[in-house]
Amino acid sequence: MDRPRIDEILPRADGSRYALVMIAAKRARQINNYYHSLGEGTIGMEQLTPPLVSTRSTNLLTIALEEIADGKLEFQRAE
């Protein structure tokens, strides 16, 4: 899956485009921190989650959206 379609992943964020963007951006930052930690050799200091899907993409946001499309991430709206 190279580019998940918005209509496929929008229901996973309660139908809110804003929530989808926020979830994907936060996860992309987490993936970036993981890769950055690998380069510095500090992966043992924090618990960072590697990408949860196998992909050919190097774009962090695309990886995050693929994780959402595959159901690897769960979203809970704060009350």
C-alpha atoms as a PDB file:
ATOM      1  CA  MET A   1       0.000   0.000   0.000  1.00  0.00           C
ATOM      2  CA  ASP A   2       1.723   3.166  -1.149  1.00  0.00           C
ATOM      3  CA  ARG A   3      -0.922   5.778  -0.568  1.00  0.00           C
ATOM      4  CA  PRO A   4      -3.985   4.942   1.499  1.00  0.00           C
ATOM      5  CA  ARG A   5      -7.125   6.684   0.307  1.00  0.00           C
ATOM      6  CA  ILE A   6      -8.647   9.274   2.610  1.00  0.00           C
ATOM      7  CA  ASP A   7     -12.099   7.689   2.392  1.00  0.00           C
ATOM      8  CA  GLU A   8     -10.649   4.405   3.657  1.00  0.00           C
ATOM      9  CA  ILE A   9      -8.921   5.840   6.712  1.00  0.00           C
ATOM     10  CA  LEU A  10     -11.254   8.688   7.671  1.00  0.00           C
ATOM     11  CA  PRO A  11     -13.651   6.394   9.600  1.00  0.00           C
ATOM     12  CA  ARG A  12     -10.731   5.317  11.811  1.00  0.00           C
ATOM     13  CA  ALA A  13     -10.533   8.912  13.109  1.00  0.00           C
ATOM     14  CA  ASP A  14     -14.249   9.277  13.853  1.00  0.00           C
ATOM     15  CA  GLY A  15     -14.786  10.867  10.442  1.00  0.00           C
ATOM     16  CA  SER A  16     -12.796  13.956  11.374  1.00  0.00           C
ATOM     17  CA  ARG A  17     -10.100  15.113   8.958  1.00  0.00           C
ATOM     18  CA  TYR A  18      -8.581  17.250  11.702  1.00  0.00           C
ATOM     19  CA  ALA A  19      -8.270  14.244  14.034  1.00  0.00           C
ATOM     20  CA  LEU A  20      -6.758  12.161  11.235  1.00  0.00           C
ATOM     21  CA  VAL A  21      -4.140  14.835  10.534  1.00  0.00           C
ATOM     22  CA  MET A  22      -3.277  15.145  14.219  1.00  0.00           C
ATOM     23  CA  ILE A  23      -2.964  11.365  14.688  1.00  0.00           C
ATOM     24  CA  ALA A  24      -0.798  10.951  11.584  1.00  0.00           C
ATOM     25  CA  ALA A  25       1.440  13.921  12.445  1.00  0.00           C
ATOM     26  CA  LYS A  26       2.018  12.701  16.000  1.00  0.00           C
ATOM     27  CA  ARG A  27       2.857   9.195  14.795  1.00  0.00           C
ATOM     28  CA  ALA A  28       5.192  10.560  12.093  1.00  0.00           C
ATOM     29  CA  ARG A  29       7.080  12.465  14.812  1.00  0.00           C
ATOM     30  CA  GLN A  30       7.345   9.272  16.880  1.00  0.00           C
ATOM     31  CA  ILE A  31       8.754   7.370  13.901  1.00  0.00           C
ATOM     32  CA  ASN A  32      11.201  10.211  13.244  1.00  0.00           C
ATOM     33  CA  ASN A  33      12.361  10.084  16.876  1.00  0.00           C
ATOM     34  CA  TYR A  34      12.851   6.321  16.549  1.00  0.00           C
ATOM     35  CA  TYR A  35      15.059   6.682  13.469  1.00  0.00           C
ATOM     36  CA  HIS A  36      16.952   9.572  15.052  1.00  0.00           C
ATOM     37  CA  SER A  37      17.627   7.480  18.165  1.00  0.00           C
ATOM     38  CA  LEU A  38      18.985   4.627  16.052  1.00  0.00           C
ATOM     39  CA  GLY A  39      21.540   6.971  14.534  1.00  0.00           C
ATOM     40  CA  GLU A  40      22.676   8.234  17.916  1.00  0.00           C
ATOM     41  CA  GLY A  41      22.720   4.793  19.520  1.00  0.00           C
ATOM     42  CA  THR A  42      20.335   5.878  22.281  1.00  0.00           C
ATOM     43  CA  ILE A  43      17.532   3.436  21.527  1.00  0.00           C
ATOM     44  CA  GLY A  44      17.935   1.726  24.916  1.00  0.00           C
ATOM     45  CA  MET A  45      17.262   4.915  26.866  1.00  0.00           C
ATOM     46  CA  GLU A  46      13.652   5.310  25.746  1.00  0.00           C
ATOM     47  CA  GLN A  47      10.935   3.013  24.592  1.00  0.00           C
ATOM     48  CA  LEU A  48      10.398   4.090  21.006  1.00  0.00           C
ATOM     49  CA  THR A  49       8.158   2.143  18.682  1.00  0.00           C
ATOM     50  CA  PRO A  50       9.522   1.337  15.233  1.00  0.00           C
ATOM     51  CA  PRO A  51       7.233   1.516  12.187  1.00  0.00           C
ATOM     52  CA  LEU A  52       4.453  -1.057  12.528  1.00  0.00           C
ATOM     53  CA  VAL A  53       4.109  -1.798   8.800  1.00  0.00           C
ATOM     54  CA  SER A  54       6.476  -2.930   6.087  1.00  0.00           C
ATOM     55  CA  THR A  55       6.595  -0.321   3.367  1.00  0.00           C
ATOM     56  CA  ARG A  56       8.711   0.925   0.499  1.00  0.00           C
ATOM     57  CA  SER A  57       7.983   4.515   1.436  1.00  0.00           C
ATOM     58  CA  THR A  58      10.551   6.693   3.166  1.00  0.00           C
ATOM     59  CA  ASN A  59       8.021   9.463   3.839  1.00  0.00           C
ATOM     60  CA  LEU A  60       7.209   9.397   7.552  1.00  0.00           C
ATOM     61  CA  LEU A  61       3.697  10.750   7.093  1.00  0.00           C
ATOM     62  CA  THR A  62       2.918   8.086   4.492  1.00  0.00           C
ATOM     63  CA  ILE A  63       4.172   5.403   6.883  1.00  0.00           C
ATOM     64  CA  ALA A  64       1.929   6.802   9.628  1.00  0.00           C
ATOM     65  CA  LEU A  65      -1.096   6.855   7.304  1.00  0.00           C
ATOM     66  CA  GLU A  66      -0.385   3.259   6.247  1.00  0.00           C
ATOM     67  CA  GLU A  67      -0.316   2.239   9.909  1.00  0.00           C
ATOM     68  CA  ILE A  68      -3.691   3.902  10.415  1.00  0.00           C
ATOM     69  CA  ALA A  69      -5.109   2.230   7.294  1.00  0.00           C
ATOM     70  CA  ASP A  70      -3.902  -1.192   8.490  1.00  0.00           C
ATOM     71  CA  GLY A  71      -5.524  -0.687  11.887  1.00  0.00           C
ATOM     72  CA  LYS A  72      -2.204  -0.718  13.756  1.00  0.00           C
ATOM     73  CA  LEU A  73      -3.049   2.494  15.636  1.00  0.00           C
ATOM     74  CA  GLU A  74      -6.060   3.096  17.846  1.00  0.00           C
ATOM     75  CA  PHE A  75      -7.605   6.493  18.436  1.00  0.00           C
ATOM     76  CA  GLN A  76      -9.539   7.520  21.513  1.00  0.00           C
ATOM     77  CA  ARG A  77     -11.103  10.959  21.689  1.00  0.00           C
ATOM     78  CA  ALA A  78     -10.363  12.794  24.918  1.00  0.00           C
ATOM     79  CA  GLU A  79     -13.455  13.736  26.846  1.00  0.00           C
END
